[in-house]
Amino acid sequence: MTQWVSDPRGGRERGPRAISRAWVEVLLRPRRFFRAGVAPGDQAPGLVFAICVVAAASALRLALAGETIVGSPYPTLGGQRLFSIVLVFSVIVVLVAPLVLHLVAALQTLLLLPFAPDRAGVSETVQLISYACAPCVFVGVPIPPIQAFATFYGGVLLAIGISEIHSVSLLRAAGLCALPAAAVFGIGFGGFEAVETMGSLIR
């Protein structure tokens, strides 16, 4: 489950080290990474990667925000604080994140149909959306400019991935992924909320 394709001609790496390496490479060399790290029918590594990003962001948010800075990041159910954290954390990481990822990939595929005749498959779309989430680890930091930049960079990575994997220009890719990016990074990872918070502080 934690393997990802580093060389589409045959090489595969496994384990946490591979996930860490993928995270660094997609942040620093996205075009090269998308060309080499996304392969047909190889969704599992991308899904694991996205789940790890969501888990890391949630854990970071819990560790840094807490109740003393911006309020509890998770609701308390029945007065059971620890149980509530574990339950909500598990639901977000195990159920919500993969479901949202596949729904957004389906939406992205529909948007690509009339405009990308040489597009790749749905599996590749799932993977590139997953890897584009890499900077969103930092949305767990309760500082709106950092959150806004992380989600913006996630949108940029998604556009680059669409361009590389589905053989369209970067400008067209940006237009085609605008709605999915808004759903994932603006709403899902809180980019819109971070920008709104920054705007209110400026005013």
N, C-alpha and C. Protein backbone atom coordinates (compact mmCIF):
# COMPACT_ATOMS: atom_id res chain seq x y z
N MET A 1 0.81 -1.22 0.00
CA MET A 1 0.00 0.00 0.00
C MET A 1 0.85 1.27 0.00
N THR A 2 2.06 1.21 0.56
CA THR A 2 2.87 2.41 0.63
C THR A 2 3.92 2.48 -0.47
N GLN A 3 3.78 1.66 -1.50
CA GLN A 3 4.74 1.73 -2.59
C GLN A 3 4.31 2.80 -3.58
N TRP A 4 5.28 3.42 -4.26
CA TRP A 4 4.95 4.36 -5.32
C TRP A 4 5.95 4.15 -6.46
N VAL A 5 5.53 4.50 -7.64
CA VAL A 5 6.35 4.22 -8.81
C VAL A 5 7.37 5.33 -8.99
N SER A 6 8.62 5.02 -8.75
CA SER A 6 9.68 6.00 -8.98
C SER A 6 10.24 5.90 -10.39
N ASP A 7 10.11 4.73 -10.97
CA ASP A 7 10.57 4.49 -12.33
C ASP A 7 9.52 3.64 -13.03
N PRO A 8 8.73 4.23 -13.94
CA PRO A 8 7.65 3.49 -14.56
C PRO A 8 8.13 2.28 -15.36
N ARG A 9 9.43 2.15 -15.58
CA ARG A 9 9.93 0.98 -16.30
C ARG A 9 10.14 -0.21 -15.38
N GLY A 10 9.89 -0.05 -14.08
CA GLY A 10 9.99 -1.23 -13.24
C GLY A 10 10.29 -1.00 -11.78
N GLY A 11 11.02 0.07 -11.42
CA GLY A 11 11.41 0.22 -10.04
C GLY A 11 10.28 0.69 -9.15
N ARG A 12 10.15 0.10 -7.97
CA ARG A 12 9.17 0.54 -6.99
C ARG A 12 9.86 0.64 -5.63
N GLU A 13 9.48 1.68 -4.88
CA GLU A 13 9.97 1.82 -3.52
C GLU A 13 8.81 1.65 -2.57
N ARG A 14 9.11 1.20 -1.35
CA ARG A 14 8.07 0.91 -0.38
C ARG A 14 8.35 1.60 0.94
N GLY A 15 7.28 1.78 1.72
CA GLY A 15 7.43 2.21 3.10
C GLY A 15 7.43 3.70 3.32
N PRO A 16 7.56 4.09 4.58
CA PRO A 16 7.54 5.50 4.96
C PRO A 16 8.60 6.34 4.26
N ARG A 17 9.76 5.75 4.02
CA ARG A 17 10.83 6.50 3.35
C ARG A 17 10.39 6.92 1.94
N ALA A 18 9.70 6.03 1.24
CA ALA A 18 9.23 6.35 -0.11
C ALA A 18 8.19 7.47 -0.07
N ILE A 19 7.30 7.44 0.93
CA ILE A 19 6.30 8.48 1.06
C ILE A 19 6.98 9.83 1.35
N SER A 20 7.96 9.81 2.23
CA SER A 20 8.69 11.04 2.56
C SER A 20 9.41 11.60 1.34
N ARG A 21 10.02 10.69 0.57
CA ARG A 21 10.73 11.13 -0.63
C ARG A 21 9.77 11.69 -1.66
N ALA A 22 8.60 11.05 -1.80
CA ALA A 22 7.60 11.56 -2.73
C ALA A 22 7.15 12.96 -2.31
N TRP A 23 6.97 13.17 -1.01
CA TRP A 23 6.52 14.48 -0.52
C TRP A 23 7.53 15.57 -0.87
N VAL A 24 8.80 15.29 -0.65
CA VAL A 24 9.83 16.28 -0.95
C VAL A 24 9.91 16.53 -2.45
N GLU A 25 9.88 15.48 -3.24
CA GLU A 25 10.06 15.64 -4.69
C GLU A 25 8.89 16.37 -5.34
N VAL A 26 7.66 16.07 -4.91
CA VAL A 26 6.53 16.75 -5.54
C VAL A 26 6.50 18.23 -5.17
N LEU A 27 7.02 18.57 -4.00
CA LEU A 27 7.10 19.98 -3.61
C LEU A 27 8.17 20.73 -4.39
N LEU A 28 9.31 20.08 -4.61
CA LEU A 28 10.46 20.77 -5.20
C LEU A 28 10.59 20.58 -6.70
N ARG A 29 10.22 19.41 -7.21
CA ARG A 29 10.35 19.12 -8.64
C ARG A 29 9.06 18.49 -9.16
N PRO A 30 7.97 19.24 -9.17
CA PRO A 30 6.67 18.64 -9.48
C PRO A 30 6.55 18.05 -10.88
N ARG A 31 7.09 18.73 -11.89
CA ARG A 31 6.96 18.20 -13.25
C ARG A 31 7.69 16.86 -13.37
N ARG A 32 8.88 16.81 -12.88
CA ARG A 32 9.64 15.56 -12.92
C ARG A 32 8.94 14.47 -12.12
N PHE A 33 8.41 14.85 -10.96
CA PHE A 33 7.75 13.86 -10.14
C PHE A 33 6.51 13.29 -10.82
N PHE A 34 5.67 14.16 -11.36
CA PHE A 34 4.45 13.68 -12.01
C PHE A 34 4.75 12.78 -13.20
N ARG A 35 5.81 13.12 -13.93
CA ARG A 35 6.17 12.27 -15.07
C ARG A 35 6.63 10.89 -14.63
N ALA A 36 7.37 10.83 -13.52
CA ALA A 36 7.96 9.56 -13.10
C ALA A 36 7.16 8.84 -12.02
N GLY A 37 6.40 9.58 -11.22
CA GLY A 37 5.77 8.99 -10.05
C GLY A 37 4.32 8.61 -10.21
N VAL A 38 3.73 8.90 -11.37
CA VAL A 38 2.33 8.56 -11.61
C VAL A 38 2.27 7.52 -12.71
N ALA A 39 1.63 6.40 -12.43
CA ALA A 39 1.58 5.29 -13.39
C ALA A 39 0.16 4.75 -13.49
N PRO A 40 -0.24 4.24 -14.65
CA PRO A 40 -1.60 3.71 -14.82
C PRO A 40 -1.91 2.60 -13.83
N GLY A 41 -3.11 2.65 -13.25
CA GLY A 41 -3.58 1.59 -12.38
C GLY A 41 -2.87 1.47 -11.05
N ASP A 42 -2.12 2.50 -10.65
CA ASP A 42 -1.32 2.41 -9.43
C ASP A 42 -1.83 3.40 -8.39
N GLN A 43 -3.12 3.28 -8.04
CA GLN A 43 -3.76 4.25 -7.17
C GLN A 43 -3.33 4.14 -5.71
N ALA A 44 -3.04 2.93 -5.25
CA ALA A 44 -2.81 2.71 -3.82
C ALA A 44 -1.75 3.64 -3.23
N PRO A 45 -0.59 3.81 -3.85
CA PRO A 45 0.41 4.72 -3.26
C PRO A 45 -0.10 6.15 -3.14
N GLY A 46 -0.84 6.62 -4.15
CA GLY A 46 -1.39 7.97 -4.08
C GLY A 46 -2.39 8.13 -2.96
N LEU A 47 -3.26 7.13 -2.80
CA LEU A 47 -4.25 7.18 -1.73
C LEU A 47 -3.58 7.19 -0.36
N VAL A 48 -2.58 6.34 -0.20
CA VAL A 48 -1.85 6.30 1.07
C VAL A 48 -1.17 7.65 1.32
N PHE A 49 -0.61 8.22 0.27
CA PHE A 49 0.05 9.52 0.39
C PHE A 49 -0.94 10.58 0.86
N ALA A 50 -2.11 10.65 0.22
CA ALA A 50 -3.11 11.65 0.59
C ALA A 50 -3.58 11.45 2.02
N ILE A 51 -3.79 10.20 2.41
CA ILE A 51 -4.22 9.91 3.78
C ILE A 51 -3.15 10.36 4.78
N CYS A 52 -1.89 10.14 4.43
CA CYS A 52 -0.80 10.58 5.31
C CYS A 52 -0.77 12.10 5.44
N VAL A 53 -1.02 12.80 4.34
CA VAL A 53 -1.05 14.27 4.38
C VAL A 53 -2.18 14.76 5.29
N VAL A 54 -3.37 14.18 5.11
CA VAL A 54 -4.51 14.58 5.94
C VAL A 54 -4.23 14.27 7.41
N ALA A 55 -3.67 13.09 7.66
CA ALA A 55 -3.36 12.70 9.04
C ALA A 55 -2.33 13.64 9.66
N ALA A 56 -1.29 13.97 8.90
CA ALA A 56 -0.25 14.87 9.41
C ALA A 56 -0.79 16.26 9.68
N ALA A 57 -1.64 16.77 8.75
CA ALA A 57 -2.22 18.10 8.94
C ALA A 57 -3.14 18.11 10.15
N SER A 58 -3.93 17.05 10.31
CA SER A 58 -4.85 16.98 11.46
C SER A 58 -4.08 16.88 12.77
N ALA A 59 -3.03 16.07 12.78
CA ALA A 59 -2.23 15.92 13.99
C ALA A 59 -1.51 17.22 14.33
N LEU A 60 -1.00 17.90 13.30
CA LEU A 60 -0.32 19.17 13.53
C LEU A 60 -1.28 20.22 14.06
N ARG A 61 -2.47 20.22 13.50
CA ARG A 61 -3.49 21.16 13.96
C ARG A 61 -3.85 20.90 15.42
N LEU A 62 -4.00 19.64 15.75
CA LEU A 62 -4.33 19.27 17.12
C LEU A 62 -3.21 19.66 18.08
N ALA A 63 -1.97 19.44 17.65
CA ALA A 63 -0.83 19.72 18.52
C ALA A 63 -0.60 21.22 18.72
N LEU A 64 -0.79 22.01 17.65
CA LEU A 64 -0.45 23.43 17.71
C LEU A 64 -1.62 24.32 18.10
N ALA A 65 -2.83 23.91 17.73
CA ALA A 65 -3.99 24.76 18.01
C ALA A 65 -4.49 24.53 19.42
N GLY A 66 -4.94 23.31 19.69
CA GLY A 66 -5.45 23.00 21.01
C GLY A 66 -6.60 23.90 21.39
N GLU A 67 -6.83 24.06 22.66
CA GLU A 67 -7.94 24.89 23.14
C GLU A 67 -7.47 26.27 23.59
N THR A 68 -6.17 26.46 23.66
CA THR A 68 -5.68 27.71 24.24
C THR A 68 -5.43 28.79 23.21
N ILE A 69 -5.45 28.42 21.91
CA ILE A 69 -5.11 29.41 20.89
C ILE A 69 -6.33 29.82 20.08
N VAL A 70 -6.91 28.88 19.36
CA VAL A 70 -8.02 29.23 18.48
C VAL A 70 -9.25 28.38 18.74
N GLY A 71 -9.33 27.72 19.90
CA GLY A 71 -10.47 26.87 20.17
C GLY A 71 -10.17 25.44 19.79
N SER A 72 -10.96 24.55 20.30
CA SER A 72 -10.72 23.13 20.05
C SER A 72 -10.88 22.79 18.58
N PRO A 73 -9.90 22.15 17.96
CA PRO A 73 -10.01 21.81 16.54
C PRO A 73 -10.97 20.68 16.27
N TYR A 74 -11.39 19.94 17.28
CA TYR A 74 -12.34 18.85 17.12
C TYR A 74 -13.46 18.99 18.14
N PRO A 75 -14.68 18.60 17.77
CA PRO A 75 -15.79 18.67 18.72
C PRO A 75 -15.63 17.63 19.83
N THR A 76 -16.20 17.93 20.97
CA THR A 76 -16.20 16.98 22.08
C THR A 76 -17.57 16.32 22.15
N LEU A 77 -17.59 15.00 22.08
CA LEU A 77 -18.84 14.25 22.06
C LEU A 77 -19.06 13.59 23.41
N GLY A 78 -20.21 13.87 24.02
CA GLY A 78 -20.57 13.23 25.28
C GLY A 78 -19.59 13.48 26.41
N GLY A 79 -18.88 14.59 26.33
CA GLY A 79 -17.93 14.91 27.39
C GLY A 79 -16.66 14.08 27.38
N GLN A 80 -16.51 13.23 26.37
CA GLN A 80 -15.33 12.36 26.28
C GLN A 80 -14.33 12.97 25.30
N ARG A 81 -13.41 13.75 25.82
CA ARG A 81 -12.47 14.50 24.97
C ARG A 81 -11.58 13.58 24.14
N LEU A 82 -10.89 12.65 24.77
CA LEU A 82 -9.96 11.79 24.06
C LEU A 82 -10.68 10.91 23.05
N PHE A 83 -11.78 10.31 23.47
CA PHE A 83 -12.56 9.47 22.56
C PHE A 83 -13.05 10.26 21.36
N SER A 84 -13.48 11.50 21.60
CA SER A 84 -13.98 12.34 20.51
C SER A 84 -12.88 12.64 19.50
N ILE A 85 -11.68 12.94 20.01
CA ILE A 85 -10.55 13.23 19.11
C ILE A 85 -10.22 12.02 18.24
N VAL A 86 -10.13 10.85 18.86
CA VAL A 86 -9.80 9.63 18.12
C VAL A 86 -10.87 9.32 17.09
N LEU A 87 -12.14 9.45 17.48
CA LEU A 87 -13.24 9.13 16.57
C LEU A 87 -13.27 10.06 15.36
N VAL A 88 -13.25 11.37 15.63
CA VAL A 88 -13.32 12.34 14.53
C VAL A 88 -12.08 12.24 13.64
N PHE A 89 -10.92 12.09 14.26
CA PHE A 89 -9.68 11.95 13.51
C PHE A 89 -9.76 10.74 12.58
N SER A 90 -10.24 9.61 13.09
CA SER A 90 -10.34 8.38 12.31
C SER A 90 -11.31 8.53 11.15
N VAL A 91 -12.45 9.16 11.41
CA VAL A 91 -13.45 9.36 10.36
C VAL A 91 -12.90 10.22 9.24
N ILE A 92 -12.22 11.30 9.61
CA ILE A 92 -11.65 12.21 8.60
C ILE A 92 -10.60 11.50 7.76
N VAL A 93 -9.69 10.81 8.41
CA VAL A 93 -8.55 10.22 7.72
C VAL A 93 -8.94 8.98 6.92
N VAL A 94 -9.75 8.10 7.51
CA VAL A 94 -10.03 6.80 6.89
C VAL A 94 -11.20 6.85 5.92
N LEU A 95 -12.22 7.65 6.23
CA LEU A 95 -13.43 7.63 5.41
C LEU A 95 -13.58 8.87 4.54
N VAL A 96 -13.53 10.04 5.15
CA VAL A 96 -13.84 11.27 4.42
C VAL A 96 -12.80 11.57 3.34
N ALA A 97 -11.51 11.51 3.70
CA ALA A 97 -10.46 11.87 2.74
C ALA A 97 -10.49 11.01 1.47
N PRO A 98 -10.51 9.67 1.56
CA PRO A 98 -10.56 8.88 0.32
C PRO A 98 -11.84 9.10 -0.49
N LEU A 99 -12.98 9.27 0.21
CA LEU A 99 -14.24 9.49 -0.50
C LEU A 99 -14.20 10.80 -1.28
N VAL A 100 -13.77 11.86 -0.63
CA VAL A 100 -13.69 13.16 -1.29
C VAL A 100 -12.71 13.11 -2.46
N LEU A 101 -11.61 12.43 -2.26
CA LEU A 101 -10.60 12.32 -3.32
C LEU A 101 -11.18 11.68 -4.58
N HIS A 102 -11.94 10.60 -4.42
CA HIS A 102 -12.51 9.93 -5.59
C HIS A 102 -13.62 10.74 -6.23
N LEU A 103 -14.41 11.44 -5.42
CA LEU A 103 -15.46 12.29 -5.98
C LEU A 103 -14.85 13.43 -6.80
N VAL A 104 -13.79 14.03 -6.28
CA VAL A 104 -13.14 15.13 -6.99
C VAL A 104 -12.47 14.61 -8.26
N ALA A 105 -11.89 13.42 -8.19
CA ALA A 105 -11.27 12.83 -9.38
C ALA A 105 -12.32 12.58 -10.46
N ALA A 106 -13.50 12.14 -10.06
CA ALA A 106 -14.58 11.94 -11.03
C ALA A 106 -15.00 13.26 -11.66
N LEU A 107 -15.11 14.31 -10.84
CA LEU A 107 -15.44 15.63 -11.37
C LEU A 107 -14.36 16.12 -12.32
N GLN A 108 -13.10 15.94 -11.95
CA GLN A 108 -12.00 16.38 -12.80
C GLN A 108 -12.01 15.63 -14.13
N THR A 109 -12.32 14.36 -14.09
CA THR A 109 -12.39 13.56 -15.32
C THR A 109 -13.47 14.09 -16.26
N LEU A 110 -14.64 14.43 -15.70
CA LEU A 110 -15.72 14.98 -16.51
C LEU A 110 -15.32 16.30 -17.16
N LEU A 111 -14.60 17.13 -16.41
CA LEU A 111 -14.17 18.41 -16.95
C LEU A 111 -13.12 18.24 -18.04
N LEU A 112 -12.35 17.18 -17.97
CA LEU A 112 -11.30 16.94 -18.97
C LEU A 112 -11.84 16.37 -20.27
N LEU A 113 -12.96 15.67 -20.20
CA LEU A 113 -13.47 14.93 -21.37
C LEU A 113 -13.48 15.73 -22.67
N PRO A 114 -14.08 16.93 -22.70
CA PRO A 114 -14.15 17.62 -23.99
C PRO A 114 -12.90 18.41 -24.37
N PHE A 115 -11.96 18.55 -23.45
CA PHE A 115 -10.84 19.46 -23.68
C PHE A 115 -9.47 18.78 -23.70
N ALA A 116 -9.41 17.52 -23.36
CA ALA A 116 -8.12 16.82 -23.30
C ALA A 116 -8.24 15.50 -24.05
N PRO A 117 -8.15 15.53 -25.37
CA PRO A 117 -8.32 14.30 -26.16
C PRO A 117 -7.25 13.25 -25.89
N ASP A 118 -6.08 13.68 -25.43
CA ASP A 118 -5.00 12.72 -25.15
C ASP A 118 -4.84 12.48 -23.65
N ARG A 119 -5.94 12.65 -22.93
CA ARG A 119 -5.89 12.52 -21.47
C ARG A 119 -5.55 11.09 -21.05
N ALA A 120 -5.00 10.99 -19.85
CA ALA A 120 -4.73 9.69 -19.24
C ALA A 120 -6.00 9.21 -18.53
N GLY A 121 -5.90 8.11 -17.80
CA GLY A 121 -7.06 7.52 -17.18
C GLY A 121 -7.44 8.13 -15.84
N VAL A 122 -8.54 7.61 -15.30
CA VAL A 122 -9.03 8.09 -14.01
C VAL A 122 -8.02 7.78 -12.90
N SER A 123 -7.36 6.64 -12.99
CA SER A 123 -6.38 6.26 -11.98
C SER A 123 -5.29 7.30 -11.85
N GLU A 124 -4.79 7.79 -12.96
CA GLU A 124 -3.76 8.81 -12.93
C GLU A 124 -4.28 10.11 -12.32
N THR A 125 -5.56 10.42 -12.59
CA THR A 125 -6.15 11.63 -12.02
C THR A 125 -6.23 11.54 -10.50
N VAL A 126 -6.62 10.37 -10.00
CA VAL A 126 -6.66 10.15 -8.56
C VAL A 126 -5.28 10.37 -7.96
N GLN A 127 -4.27 9.84 -8.62
CA GLN A 127 -2.91 9.97 -8.10
C GLN A 127 -2.43 11.41 -8.08
N LEU A 128 -2.65 12.13 -9.18
CA LEU A 128 -2.10 13.48 -9.22
C LEU A 128 -2.81 14.41 -8.24
N ILE A 129 -4.11 14.20 -8.01
CA ILE A 129 -4.80 14.99 -6.99
C ILE A 129 -4.23 14.66 -5.61
N SER A 130 -3.98 13.38 -5.38
CA SER A 130 -3.42 12.95 -4.09
C SER A 130 -2.07 13.62 -3.84
N TYR A 131 -1.19 13.56 -4.82
CA TYR A 131 0.15 14.12 -4.64
C TYR A 131 0.14 15.64 -4.59
N ALA A 132 -0.84 16.27 -5.26
CA ALA A 132 -0.93 17.73 -5.21
C ALA A 132 -1.28 18.24 -3.82
N CYS A 133 -1.78 17.35 -2.96
CA CYS A 133 -2.11 17.74 -1.59
C CYS A 133 -0.88 17.90 -0.70
N ALA A 134 0.30 17.60 -1.22
CA ALA A 134 1.52 17.58 -0.40
C ALA A 134 1.71 18.81 0.48
N PRO A 135 1.58 20.04 -0.04
CA PRO A 135 1.84 21.20 0.82
C PRO A 135 0.80 21.40 1.92
N CYS A 136 -0.32 20.69 1.82
CA CYS A 136 -1.41 20.90 2.78
C CYS A 136 -1.12 20.30 4.14
N VAL A 137 0.01 19.64 4.30
CA VAL A 137 0.47 19.29 5.64
C VAL A 137 0.49 20.54 6.51
N PHE A 138 0.84 21.68 5.92
CA PHE A 138 1.04 22.91 6.69
C PHE A 138 -0.26 23.65 7.02
N VAL A 139 -1.41 23.15 6.56
CA VAL A 139 -2.65 23.80 6.98
C VAL A 139 -2.92 23.52 8.45
N GLY A 140 -2.17 22.57 9.03
CA GLY A 140 -2.30 22.32 10.45
C GLY A 140 -1.68 23.40 11.31
N VAL A 141 -0.89 24.27 10.70
CA VAL A 141 -0.29 25.38 11.44
C VAL A 141 -1.33 26.49 11.54
N PRO A 142 -1.72 26.91 12.74
CA PRO A 142 -2.81 27.88 12.91
C PRO A 142 -2.41 29.32 12.59
N ILE A 143 -1.79 29.51 11.43
CA ILE A 143 -1.38 30.83 10.98
C ILE A 143 -1.96 31.02 9.58
N PRO A 144 -2.97 31.88 9.40
CA PRO A 144 -3.68 31.99 8.13
C PRO A 144 -2.80 32.19 6.89
N PRO A 145 -1.75 33.03 6.92
CA PRO A 145 -0.92 33.16 5.71
C PRO A 145 -0.25 31.85 5.30
N ILE A 146 0.19 31.07 6.27
CA ILE A 146 0.79 29.78 5.96
C ILE A 146 -0.26 28.84 5.37
N GLN A 147 -1.45 28.82 5.96
CA GLN A 147 -2.52 27.98 5.46
C GLN A 147 -2.92 28.38 4.04
N ALA A 148 -3.03 29.69 3.81
CA ALA A 148 -3.42 30.17 2.49
C ALA A 148 -2.38 29.82 1.44
N PHE A 149 -1.11 30.00 1.78
CA PHE A 149 -0.05 29.68 0.82
C PHE A 149 -0.01 28.18 0.54
N ALA A 150 -0.17 27.36 1.57
CA ALA A 150 -0.14 25.91 1.38
C ALA A 150 -1.24 25.45 0.44
N THR A 151 -2.45 25.97 0.62
CA THR A 151 -3.55 25.57 -0.25
C THR A 151 -3.39 26.13 -1.66
N PHE A 152 -2.87 27.35 -1.76
CA PHE A 152 -2.61 27.92 -3.09
C PHE A 152 -1.58 27.07 -3.84
N TYR A 153 -0.52 26.69 -3.15
CA TYR A 153 0.52 25.88 -3.80
C TYR A 153 -0.03 24.51 -4.18
N GLY A 154 -0.95 23.98 -3.38
CA GLY A 154 -1.60 22.74 -3.75
C GLY A 154 -2.35 22.88 -5.06
N GLY A 155 -3.05 24.00 -5.25
CA GLY A 155 -3.73 24.25 -6.51
C GLY A 155 -2.77 24.36 -7.68
N VAL A 156 -1.63 25.00 -7.44
CA VAL A 156 -0.60 25.11 -8.48
C VAL A 156 -0.09 23.73 -8.87
N LEU A 157 0.17 22.89 -7.88
CA LEU A 157 0.64 21.53 -8.15
C LEU A 157 -0.40 20.73 -8.93
N LEU A 158 -1.66 20.93 -8.61
CA LEU A 158 -2.71 20.23 -9.34
C LEU A 158 -2.72 20.64 -10.80
N ALA A 159 -2.59 21.94 -11.06
CA ALA A 159 -2.54 22.41 -12.45
C ALA A 159 -1.34 21.84 -13.19
N ILE A 160 -0.20 21.81 -12.53
CA ILE A 160 1.00 21.23 -13.15
C ILE A 160 0.78 19.75 -13.44
N GLY A 161 0.20 19.05 -12.49
CA GLY A 161 -0.06 17.63 -12.68
C GLY A 161 -1.02 17.36 -13.83
N ILE A 162 -2.09 18.16 -13.91
CA ILE A 162 -3.04 18.02 -15.02
C ILE A 162 -2.34 18.25 -16.36
N SER A 163 -1.50 19.27 -16.40
CA SER A 163 -0.78 19.59 -17.63
C SER A 163 0.13 18.44 -18.04
N GLU A 164 0.88 17.89 -17.09
CA GLU A 164 1.83 16.83 -17.40
C GLU A 164 1.15 15.51 -17.74
N ILE A 165 0.17 15.12 -16.95
CA ILE A 165 -0.42 13.79 -17.10
C ILE A 165 -1.45 13.73 -18.21
N HIS A 166 -2.17 14.82 -18.42
CA HIS A 166 -3.26 14.80 -19.41
C HIS A 166 -2.94 15.56 -20.69
N SER A 167 -1.69 15.94 -20.84
CA SER A 167 -1.19 16.51 -22.10
C SER A 167 -1.98 17.74 -22.57
N VAL A 168 -2.11 18.71 -21.68
CA VAL A 168 -2.72 19.98 -22.04
C VAL A 168 -1.78 21.09 -21.59
N SER A 169 -1.98 22.30 -22.13
CA SER A 169 -1.13 23.42 -21.72
C SER A 169 -1.39 23.76 -20.26
N LEU A 170 -0.42 24.41 -19.65
CA LEU A 170 -0.56 24.77 -18.25
C LEU A 170 -1.72 25.74 -18.04
N LEU A 171 -1.92 26.66 -18.97
CA LEU A 171 -3.02 27.61 -18.86
C LEU A 171 -4.36 26.89 -18.92
N ARG A 172 -4.50 25.96 -19.86
CA ARG A 172 -5.74 25.20 -19.96
C ARG A 172 -5.94 24.32 -18.74
N ALA A 173 -4.85 23.74 -18.27
CA ALA A 173 -4.93 22.89 -17.08
C ALA A 173 -5.42 23.69 -15.88
N ALA A 174 -4.95 24.93 -15.75
CA ALA A 174 -5.38 25.78 -14.64
C ALA A 174 -6.88 26.03 -14.69
N GLY A 175 -7.39 26.27 -15.89
CA GLY A 175 -8.83 26.48 -16.03
C GLY A 175 -9.63 25.23 -15.75
N LEU A 176 -9.13 24.08 -16.23
CA LEU A 176 -9.86 22.83 -16.07
C LEU A 176 -9.87 22.33 -14.63
N CYS A 177 -8.86 22.69 -13.86
CA CYS A 177 -8.80 22.19 -12.48
C CYS A 177 -9.27 23.22 -11.47
N ALA A 178 -9.78 24.37 -11.93
CA ALA A 178 -10.17 25.43 -11.00
C ALA A 178 -11.24 24.97 -10.02
N LEU A 179 -12.28 24.31 -10.53
CA LEU A 179 -13.37 23.86 -9.66
C LEU A 179 -12.92 22.75 -8.71
N PRO A 180 -12.25 21.69 -9.20
CA PRO A 180 -11.74 20.69 -8.27
C PRO A 180 -10.77 21.27 -7.24
N ALA A 181 -9.92 22.19 -7.67
CA ALA A 181 -8.97 22.81 -6.73
C ALA A 181 -9.71 23.60 -5.66
N ALA A 182 -10.77 24.30 -6.06
CA ALA A 182 -11.56 25.05 -5.08
C ALA A 182 -12.18 24.10 -4.06
N ALA A 183 -12.66 22.94 -4.54
CA ALA A 183 -13.28 21.97 -3.64
C ALA A 183 -12.28 21.38 -2.67
N VAL A 184 -11.12 20.97 -3.19
CA VAL A 184 -10.13 20.29 -2.35
C VAL A 184 -9.38 21.27 -1.46
N PHE A 185 -8.82 22.31 -2.07
CA PHE A 185 -7.93 23.19 -1.32
C PHE A 185 -8.66 24.38 -0.69
N GLY A 186 -9.65 24.91 -1.39
CA GLY A 186 -10.37 26.04 -0.84
C GLY A 186 -11.32 25.65 0.28
N ILE A 187 -12.09 24.57 0.05
CA ILE A 187 -13.07 24.14 1.04
C ILE A 187 -12.50 23.04 1.94
N GLY A 188 -12.01 21.97 1.33
CA GLY A 188 -11.55 20.83 2.11
C GLY A 188 -10.42 21.15 3.06
N PHE A 189 -9.40 21.82 2.56
CA PHE A 189 -8.25 22.16 3.40
C PHE A 189 -8.32 23.56 4.00
N GLY A 190 -9.41 24.27 3.75
CA GLY A 190 -9.63 25.54 4.43
C GLY A 190 -8.94 26.75 3.86
N GLY A 191 -8.57 26.71 2.58
CA GLY A 191 -7.89 27.85 1.99
C GLY A 191 -8.75 29.10 1.95
N PHE A 192 -10.04 28.94 1.61
CA PHE A 192 -10.93 30.10 1.56
C PHE A 192 -11.09 30.74 2.94
N GLU A 193 -11.22 29.91 3.94
CA GLU A 193 -11.35 30.41 5.31
C GLU A 193 -10.11 31.17 5.74
N ALA A 194 -8.94 30.65 5.36
CA ALA A 194 -7.69 31.32 5.72
C ALA A 194 -7.59 32.69 5.05
N VAL A 195 -7.97 32.76 3.78
CA VAL A 195 -7.94 34.04 3.06
C VAL A 195 -8.94 35.01 3.68
N GLU A 196 -10.13 34.50 4.03
CA GLU A 196 -11.14 35.36 4.66
C GLU A 196 -10.64 35.90 6.00
N THR A 197 -9.98 35.04 6.77
CA THR A 197 -9.42 35.48 8.06
C THR A 197 -8.36 36.56 7.85
N MET A 198 -7.51 36.36 6.85
CA MET A 198 -6.49 37.37 6.55
C MET A 198 -7.13 38.69 6.17
N GLY A 199 -8.19 38.61 5.35
CA GLY A 199 -8.89 39.84 4.94
C GLY A 199 -9.50 40.58 6.10
N SER A 200 -10.08 39.85 7.03
CA SER A 200 -10.69 40.49 8.20
C SER A 200 -9.64 41.15 9.09
N LEU A 201 -8.46 40.54 9.16
CA LEU A 201 -7.39 41.12 9.97
C LEU A 201 -6.87 42.41 9.33
N ILE A 202 -6.80 42.42 7.99
CA ILE A 202 -6.33 43.61 7.29
C ILE A 202 -7.30 44.77 7.46
N ARG A 203 -8.61 44.42 7.38
CA ARG A 203 -9.62 45.46 7.54
C ARG A 203 -9.66 45.98 8.98
